[in-house]
């Protein structure tokens, strides 16, 4: 369960980018900010793999995703 979840579609900044085939042909590039205690004790790579797993069948349709995955404590410390 995320504490905070923000997803920004930046696809318009990459219009015409060769090879980018999105969810509906338009959504291809995203920035994801997510906080969760599920990330506690996980490395950055394992956090990203957890996000990919949760996206399941949608992930192969995303051309690029920038992920910022923090624990709740890490997010609080940055405030």
PDB file of N, CA and C in Angstrom:
ATOM      1  N   UNK A   1       0.847  -1.181   0.000  1.00  0.00           N
ATOM      2  CA  UNK A   1       0.000   0.000   0.000  1.00  0.00           C
ATOM      3  C   UNK A   1       0.889   1.239   0.000  1.00  0.00           C
ATOM      4  N   UNK A   2       0.785   2.088  -1.024  1.00  0.00           N
ATOM      5  CA  UNK A   2       1.627   3.286  -1.062  1.00  0.00           C
ATOM      6  C   UNK A   2       1.152   4.343  -0.081  1.00  0.00           C
ATOM      7  N   UNK A   3       2.115   5.080   0.468  1.00  0.00           N
ATOM      8  CA  UNK A   3       1.778   6.232   1.293  1.00  0.00           C
ATOM      9  C   UNK A   3       1.433   7.407   0.399  1.00  0.00           C
ATOM     10  N   UNK A   4       2.191   7.559  -0.659  1.00  0.00           N
ATOM     11  CA  UNK A   4       1.966   8.614  -1.654  1.00  0.00           C
ATOM     12  C   UNK A   4       2.301   8.037  -3.024  1.00  0.00           C
ATOM     13  N   UNK A   5       1.525   8.443  -4.010  1.00  0.00           N
ATOM     14  CA  UNK A   5       1.733   7.965  -5.372  1.00  0.00           C
ATOM     15  C   UNK A   5       1.450   9.107  -6.331  1.00  0.00           C
ATOM     16  N   UNK A   6       2.452   9.458  -7.134  1.00  0.00           N
ATOM     17  CA  UNK A   6       2.285  10.486  -8.161  1.00  0.00           C
ATOM     18  C   UNK A   6       2.821   9.940  -9.478  1.00  0.00           C
ATOM     19  N   UNK A   7       2.002   9.981 -10.493  1.00  0.00           N
ATOM     20  CA  UNK A   7       2.394   9.526 -11.822  1.00  0.00           C
ATOM     21  C   UNK A   7       2.197  10.679 -12.794  1.00  0.00           C
ATOM     22  N   UNK A   8       3.275  11.053 -13.471  1.00  0.00           N
ATOM     23  CA  UNK A   8       3.227  12.151 -14.436  1.00  0.00           C
ATOM     24  C   UNK A   8       3.511  11.590 -15.821  1.00  0.00           C
ATOM     25  N   UNK A   9       2.622  11.883 -16.758  1.00  0.00           N
ATOM     26  CA  UNK A   9       2.790  11.461 -18.148  1.00  0.00           C
ATOM     27  C   UNK A   9       3.586  12.538 -18.880  1.00  0.00           C
ATOM     28  N   UNK A  10       4.816  12.203 -19.267  1.00  0.00           N
ATOM     29  CA  UNK A  10       5.695  13.134 -19.992  1.00  0.00           C
ATOM     30  C   UNK A  10       5.789  12.783 -21.466  1.00  0.00           C
ATOM     31  N   UNK A  11       4.856  12.012 -21.963  1.00  0.00           N
ATOM     32  CA  UNK A  11       4.920  11.510 -23.338  1.00  0.00           C
ATOM     33  C   UNK A  11       4.979  12.624 -24.371  1.00  0.00           C
ATOM     34  N   UNK A  12       4.287  13.740 -24.105  1.00  0.00           N
ATOM     35  CA  UNK A  12       4.255  14.837 -25.075  1.00  0.00           C
ATOM     36  C   UNK A  12       5.652  15.398 -25.337  1.00  0.00           C
ATOM     37  N   UNK A  13       6.559  15.244 -24.392  1.00  0.00           N
ATOM     38  CA  UNK A  13       7.936  15.727 -24.555  1.00  0.00           C
ATOM     39  C   UNK A  13       8.746  14.817 -25.480  1.00  0.00           C
ATOM     40  N   UNK A  14       8.184  13.668 -25.815  1.00  0.00           N
ATOM     41  CA  UNK A  14       8.893  12.681 -26.627  1.00  0.00           C
ATOM     42  C   UNK A  14       8.111  12.309 -27.883  1.00  0.00           C
ATOM     43  N   UNK A  15       7.255  13.193 -28.321  1.00  0.00           N
ATOM     44  CA  UNK A  15       6.423  12.925 -29.503  1.00  0.00           C
ATOM     45  C   UNK A  15       7.303  12.598 -30.707  1.00  0.00           C
ATOM     46  N   UNK A  16       6.954  11.530 -31.406  1.00  0.00           N
ATOM     47  CA  UNK A  16       7.696  11.129 -32.595  1.00  0.00           C
ATOM     48  C   UNK A  16       8.953  10.344 -32.311  1.00  0.00           C
ATOM     49  N   UNK A  17       9.203  10.031 -31.054  1.00  0.00           N
ATOM     50  CA  UNK A  17      10.386   9.277 -30.660  1.00  0.00           C
ATOM     51  C   UNK A  17      10.318   7.884 -31.288  1.00  0.00           C
ATOM     52  N   UNK A  18      11.289   7.568 -32.065  1.00  0.00           N
ATOM     53  CA  UNK A  18      11.298   6.288 -32.788  1.00  0.00           C
ATOM     54  C   UNK A  18      11.234   5.107 -31.826  1.00  0.00           C
ATOM     55  N   UNK A  19      10.374   4.170 -32.136  1.00  0.00           N
ATOM     56  CA  UNK A  19      10.288   2.940 -31.365  1.00  0.00           C
ATOM     57  C   UNK A  19       9.414   3.010 -30.140  1.00  0.00           C
ATOM     58  N   UNK A  20       8.882   4.182 -29.835  1.00  0.00           N
ATOM     59  CA  UNK A  20       8.042   4.331 -28.648  1.00  0.00           C
ATOM     60  C   UNK A  20       6.606   3.972 -28.978  1.00  0.00           C
ATOM     61  N   UNK A  21       6.153   2.864 -28.439  1.00  0.00           N
ATOM     62  CA  UNK A  21       4.767   2.427 -28.620  1.00  0.00           C
ATOM     63  C   UNK A  21       4.154   2.308 -27.243  1.00  0.00           C
ATOM     64  N   UNK A  22       3.240   3.200 -26.939  1.00  0.00           N
ATOM     65  CA  UNK A  22       2.691   3.265 -25.591  1.00  0.00           C
ATOM     66  C   UNK A  22       1.449   2.443 -25.386  1.00  0.00           C
ATOM     67  N   UNK A  23       0.793   2.711 -24.270  1.00  0.00           N
ATOM     68  CA  UNK A  23      -0.404   1.979 -23.874  1.00  0.00           C
ATOM     69  C   UNK A  23      -1.498   2.105 -24.921  1.00  0.00           C
ATOM     70  N   UNK A  24      -1.752   3.322 -25.374  1.00  0.00           N
ATOM     71  CA  UNK A  24      -2.748   3.558 -26.424  1.00  0.00           C
ATOM     72  C   UNK A  24      -2.080   4.224 -27.627  1.00  0.00           C
ATOM     73  N   UNK A  25      -0.781   4.048 -27.735  1.00  0.00           N
ATOM     74  CA  UNK A  25      -0.040   4.673 -28.817  1.00  0.00           C
ATOM     75  C   UNK A  25       0.442   6.070 -28.483  1.00  0.00           C
ATOM     76  N   UNK A  26      -0.042   6.626 -27.355  1.00  0.00           N
ATOM     77  CA  UNK A  26       0.331   7.989 -26.977  1.00  0.00           C
ATOM     78  C   UNK A  26       1.090   8.057 -25.655  1.00  0.00           C
ATOM     79  N   UNK A  27       0.715   7.224 -24.695  1.00  0.00           N
ATOM     80  CA  UNK A  27       1.350   7.244 -23.382  1.00  0.00           C
ATOM     81  C   UNK A  27       2.577   6.341 -23.392  1.00  0.00           C
ATOM     82  N   UNK A  28       3.750   6.956 -23.323  1.00  0.00           N
ATOM     83  CA  UNK A  28       4.983   6.182 -23.444  1.00  0.00           C
ATOM     84  C   UNK A  28       6.026   6.482 -22.376  1.00  0.00           C
ATOM     85  N   UNK A  29       6.027   7.704 -21.841  1.00  0.00           N
ATOM     86  CA  UNK A  29       7.074   8.157 -20.924  1.00  0.00           C
ATOM     87  C   UNK A  29       6.441   8.687 -19.632  1.00  0.00           C
ATOM     88  N   UNK A  30       6.920   8.155 -18.498  1.00  0.00           N
ATOM     89  CA  UNK A  30       6.319   8.525 -17.221  1.00  0.00           C
ATOM     90  C   UNK A  30       7.369   8.800 -16.163  1.00  0.00           C
ATOM     91  N   UNK A  31       7.005   9.652 -15.196  1.00  0.00           N
ATOM     92  CA  UNK A  31       7.754   9.843 -13.963  1.00  0.00           C
ATOM     93  C   UNK A  31       6.868   9.318 -12.845  1.00  0.00           C
ATOM     94  N   UNK A  32       7.400   8.428 -12.021  1.00  0.00           N
ATOM     95  CA  UNK A  32       6.645   7.844 -10.913  1.00  0.00           C
ATOM     96  C   UNK A  32       7.344   8.179  -9.601  1.00  0.00           C
ATOM     97  N   UNK A  33       6.571   8.746  -8.673  1.00  0.00           N
ATOM     98  CA  UNK A  33       7.041   8.988  -7.306  1.00  0.00           C
ATOM     99  C   UNK A  33       6.139   8.162  -6.405  1.00  0.00           C
ATOM    100  N   UNK A  34       6.740   7.271  -5.625  1.00  0.00           N
ATOM    101  CA  UNK A  34       5.955   6.396  -4.764  1.00  0.00           C
ATOM    102  C   UNK A  34       6.664   6.213  -3.431  1.00  0.00           C
ATOM    103  N   UNK A  35       5.883   6.262  -2.346  1.00  0.00           N
ATOM    104  CA  UNK A  35       6.418   5.984  -1.021  1.00  0.00           C
ATOM    105  C   UNK A  35       5.657   4.803  -0.431  1.00  0.00           C
ATOM    106  N   UNK A  36       6.403   3.935   0.251  1.00  0.00           N
ATOM    107  CA  UNK A  36       5.774   2.762   0.858  1.00  0.00           C
ATOM    108  C   UNK A  36       6.749   2.111   1.832  1.00  0.00           C
ATOM    109  N   UNK A  37       6.201   1.577   2.902  1.00  0.00           N
ATOM    110  CA  UNK A  37       7.032   0.803   3.822  1.00  0.00           C
ATOM    111  C   UNK A  37       7.473  -0.520   3.200  1.00  0.00           C
ATOM    112  N   UNK A  38       6.845  -0.907   2.102  1.00  0.00           N
ATOM    113  CA  UNK A  38       7.247  -2.138   1.403  1.00  0.00           C
ATOM    114  C   UNK A  38       8.678  -2.036   0.866  1.00  0.00           C
ATOM    115  N   UNK A  39       9.203  -0.801   0.716  1.00  0.00           N
ATOM    116  CA  UNK A  39      10.559  -0.601   0.204  1.00  0.00           C
ATOM    117  C   UNK A  39      11.617  -0.679   1.303  1.00  0.00           C
ATOM    118  N   UNK A  40      11.188  -0.776   2.552  1.00  0.00           N
ATOM    119  CA  UNK A  40      12.121  -0.794   3.675  1.00  0.00           C
ATOM    120  C   UNK A  40      13.084  -1.975   3.558  1.00  0.00           C
ATOM    121  N   UNK A  41      14.369  -1.688   3.599  1.00  0.00           N
ATOM    122  CA  UNK A  41      15.398  -2.722   3.529  1.00  0.00           C
ATOM    123  C   UNK A  41      15.747  -3.190   2.128  1.00  0.00           C
ATOM    124  N   UNK A  42      15.074  -2.630   1.107  1.00  0.00           N
ATOM    125  CA  UNK A  42      15.347  -3.034  -0.281  1.00  0.00           C
ATOM    126  C   UNK A  42      16.312  -2.066  -0.950  1.00  0.00           C
ATOM    127  N   UNK A  43      17.179  -2.601  -1.789  1.00  0.00           N
ATOM    128  CA  UNK A  43      18.074  -1.769  -2.584  1.00  0.00           C
ATOM    129  C   UNK A  43      17.258  -1.038  -3.652  1.00  0.00           C
ATOM    130  N   UNK A  44      17.864  -0.071  -4.289  1.00  0.00           N
ATOM    131  CA  UNK A  44      17.200   0.678  -5.362  1.00  0.00           C
ATOM    132  C   UNK A  44      16.729  -0.265  -6.471  1.00  0.00           C
ATOM    133  N   UNK A  45      17.580  -1.203  -6.867  1.00  0.00           N
ATOM    134  CA  UNK A  45      17.229  -2.150  -7.927  1.00  0.00           C
ATOM    135  C   UNK A  45      16.030  -3.003  -7.513  1.00  0.00           C
ATOM    136  N   UNK A  46      16.029  -3.489  -6.283  1.00  0.00           N
ATOM    137  CA  UNK A  46      14.916  -4.324  -5.819  1.00  0.00           C
ATOM    138  C   UNK A  46      13.621  -3.514  -5.700  1.00  0.00           C
ATOM    139  N   UNK A  47      13.726  -2.245  -5.355  1.00  0.00           N
ATOM    140  CA  UNK A  47      12.544  -1.374  -5.313  1.00  0.00           C
ATOM    141  C   UNK A  47      11.947  -1.233  -6.706  1.00  0.00           C
ATOM    142  N   UNK A  48      12.808  -0.995  -7.686  1.00  0.00           N
ATOM    143  CA  UNK A  48      12.334  -0.858  -9.064  1.00  0.00           C
ATOM    144  C   UNK A  48      11.715  -2.163  -9.557  1.00  0.00           C
ATOM    145  N   UNK A  49      12.347  -3.290  -9.246  1.00  0.00           N
ATOM    146  CA  UNK A  49      11.795  -4.590  -9.656  1.00  0.00           C
ATOM    147  C   UNK A  49      10.417  -4.822  -9.036  1.00  0.00           C
ATOM    148  N   UNK A  50      10.232  -4.377  -7.803  1.00  0.00           N
ATOM    149  CA  UNK A  50       8.928  -4.502  -7.150  1.00  0.00           C
ATOM    150  C   UNK A  50       7.879  -3.668  -7.886  1.00  0.00           C
ATOM    151  N   UNK A  51       8.247  -2.458  -8.285  1.00  0.00           N
ATOM    152  CA  UNK A  51       7.328  -1.605  -9.056  1.00  0.00           C
ATOM    153  C   UNK A  51       6.998  -2.277 -10.385  1.00  0.00           C
ATOM    154  N   UNK A  52       8.004  -2.790 -11.082  1.00  0.00           N
ATOM    155  CA  UNK A  52       7.772  -3.468 -12.368  1.00  0.00           C
ATOM    156  C   UNK A  52       6.823  -4.653 -12.194  1.00  0.00           C
ATOM    157  N   UNK A  53       7.030  -5.417 -11.120  1.00  0.00           N
ATOM    158  CA  UNK A  53       6.184  -6.570 -10.865  1.00  0.00           C
ATOM    159  C   UNK A  53       4.733  -6.133 -10.650  1.00  0.00           C
ATOM    160  N   UNK A  54       4.546  -5.054  -9.911  1.00  0.00           N
ATOM    161  CA  UNK A  54       3.189  -4.568  -9.642  1.00  0.00           C
ATOM    162  C   UNK A  54       2.512  -4.046 -10.918  1.00  0.00           C
ATOM    163  N   UNK A  55       3.286  -3.525 -11.839  1.00  0.00           N
ATOM    164  CA  UNK A  55       2.720  -3.041 -13.100  1.00  0.00           C
ATOM    165  C   UNK A  55       2.343  -4.197 -14.021  1.00  0.00           C
ATOM    166  N   UNK A  56       2.952  -5.347 -13.807  1.00  0.00           N
ATOM    167  CA  UNK A  56       2.585  -6.557 -14.536  1.00  0.00           C
ATOM    168  C   UNK A  56       2.589  -6.402 -16.048  1.00  0.00           C
ATOM    169  N   UNK A  57       1.472  -6.704 -16.676  1.00  0.00           N
ATOM    170  CA  UNK A  57       1.351  -6.716 -18.134  1.00  0.00           C
ATOM    171  C   UNK A  57       1.470  -5.327 -18.758  1.00  0.00           C
ATOM    172  N   UNK A  58       1.322  -4.289 -17.950  1.00  0.00           N
ATOM    173  CA  UNK A  58       1.416  -2.921 -18.482  1.00  0.00           C
ATOM    174  C   UNK A  58       2.872  -2.535 -18.752  1.00  0.00           C
ATOM    175  N   UNK A  59       3.798  -3.049 -17.950  1.00  0.00           N
ATOM    176  CA  UNK A  59       5.203  -2.622 -18.030  1.00  0.00           C
ATOM    177  C   UNK A  59       5.814  -2.754 -19.426  1.00  0.00           C
ATOM    178  N   UNK A  60       5.614  -3.839 -20.169  1.00  0.00           N
ATOM    179  CA  UNK A  60       6.225  -3.926 -21.499  1.00  0.00           C
ATOM    180  C   UNK A  60       5.704  -2.866 -22.486  1.00  0.00           C
ATOM    181  N   UNK A  61       4.572  -2.262 -22.183  1.00  0.00           N
ATOM    182  CA  UNK A  61       4.004  -1.244 -23.068  1.00  0.00           C
ATOM    183  C   UNK A  61       4.537   0.151 -22.775  1.00  0.00           C
ATOM    184  N   UNK A  62       5.293   0.283 -21.686  1.00  0.00           N
ATOM    185  CA  UNK A  62       5.871   1.573 -21.302  1.00  0.00           C
ATOM    186  C   UNK A  62       7.278   1.655 -21.869  1.00  0.00           C
ATOM    187  N   UNK A  63       7.536   2.724 -22.613  1.00  0.00           N
ATOM    188  CA  UNK A  63       8.856   2.884 -23.234  1.00  0.00           C
ATOM    189  C   UNK A  63       9.895   3.343 -22.213  1.00  0.00           C
ATOM    190  N   UNK A  64       9.518   4.275 -21.328  1.00  0.00           N
ATOM    191  CA  UNK A  64      10.462   4.801 -20.346  1.00  0.00           C
ATOM    192  C   UNK A  64       9.716   5.246 -19.090  1.00  0.00           C
ATOM    193  N   UNK A  65      10.298   4.896 -17.931  1.00  0.00           N
ATOM    194  CA  UNK A  65       9.717   5.325 -16.665  1.00  0.00           C
ATOM    195  C   UNK A  65      10.830   5.673 -15.695  1.00  0.00           C
ATOM    196  N   UNK A  66      10.789   6.897 -15.216  1.00  0.00           N
ATOM    197  CA  UNK A  66      11.728   7.326 -14.183  1.00  0.00           C
ATOM    198  C   UNK A  66      11.040   7.090 -12.843  1.00  0.00           C
ATOM    199  N   UNK A  67      11.672   6.302 -11.976  1.00  0.00           N
ATOM    200  CA  UNK A  67      11.048   5.903 -10.713  1.00  0.00           C
ATOM    201  C   UNK A  67      11.817   6.487  -9.537  1.00  0.00           C
ATOM    202  N   UNK A  68      11.084   7.139  -8.640  1.00  0.00           N
ATOM    203  CA  UNK A  68      11.630   7.553  -7.344  1.00  0.00           C
ATOM    204  C   UNK A  68      10.810   6.803  -6.306  1.00  0.00           C
ATOM    205  N   UNK A  69      11.396   5.780  -5.702  1.00  0.00           N
ATOM    206  CA  UNK A  69      10.713   4.906  -4.743  1.00  0.00           C
ATOM    207  C   UNK A  69      11.386   5.045  -3.384  1.00  0.00           C
ATOM    208  N   UNK A  70      10.644   5.574  -2.416  1.00  0.00           N
ATOM    209  CA  UNK A  70      11.182   5.828  -1.090  1.00  0.00           C
ATOM    210  C   UNK A  70      10.343   5.137  -0.021  1.00  0.00           C
ATOM    211  N   UNK A  71      10.985   4.826   1.114  1.00  0.00           N
ATOM    212  CA  UNK A  71      10.212   4.393   2.265  1.00  0.00           C
ATOM    213  C   UNK A  71       9.507   5.625   2.819  1.00  0.00           C
ATOM    214  N   UNK A  72       8.521   5.403   3.684  1.00  0.00           N
ATOM    215  CA  UNK A  72       7.830   6.545   4.304  1.00  0.00           C
ATOM    216  C   UNK A  72       8.800   7.376   5.136  1.00  0.00           C
ATOM    217  N   UNK A  73       9.717   6.711   5.851  1.00  0.00           N
ATOM    218  CA  UNK A  73      10.695   7.419   6.670  1.00  0.00           C
ATOM    219  C   UNK A  73      11.636   8.263   5.805  1.00  0.00           C
ATOM    220  N   UNK A  74      12.070   7.720   4.668  1.00  0.00           N
ATOM    221  CA  UNK A  74      12.941   8.479   3.747  1.00  0.00           C
ATOM    222  C   UNK A  74      12.222   9.701   3.211  1.00  0.00           C
ATOM    223  N   UNK A  75      10.964   9.533   2.859  1.00  0.00           N
ATOM    224  CA  UNK A  75      10.176  10.658   2.334  1.00  0.00           C
ATOM    225  C   UNK A  75       9.989  11.725   3.412  1.00  0.00           C
ATOM    226  N   UNK A  76       9.701  11.312   4.632  1.00  0.00           N
ATOM    227  CA  UNK A  76       9.536  12.266   5.743  1.00  0.00           C
ATOM    228  C   UNK A  76      10.821  13.031   6.014  1.00  0.00           C
ATOM    229  N   UNK A  77      11.961  12.353   5.914  1.00  0.00           N
ATOM    230  CA  UNK A  77      13.261  12.985   6.171  1.00  0.00           C
ATOM    231  C   UNK A  77      13.591  14.045   5.120  1.00  0.00           C
ATOM    232  N   UNK A  78      13.015  13.917   3.912  1.00  0.00           N
ATOM    233  CA  UNK A  78      13.292  14.869   2.837  1.00  0.00           C
ATOM    234  C   UNK A  78      12.391  16.097   2.905  1.00  0.00           C
ATOM    235  N   UNK A  79      11.393  16.064   3.775  1.00  0.00           N
ATOM    236  CA  UNK A  79      10.458  17.196   3.890  1.00  0.00           C
ATOM    237  C   UNK A  79      11.040  18.311   4.708  1.00  0.00           C
TER     238      UNK A  79
END
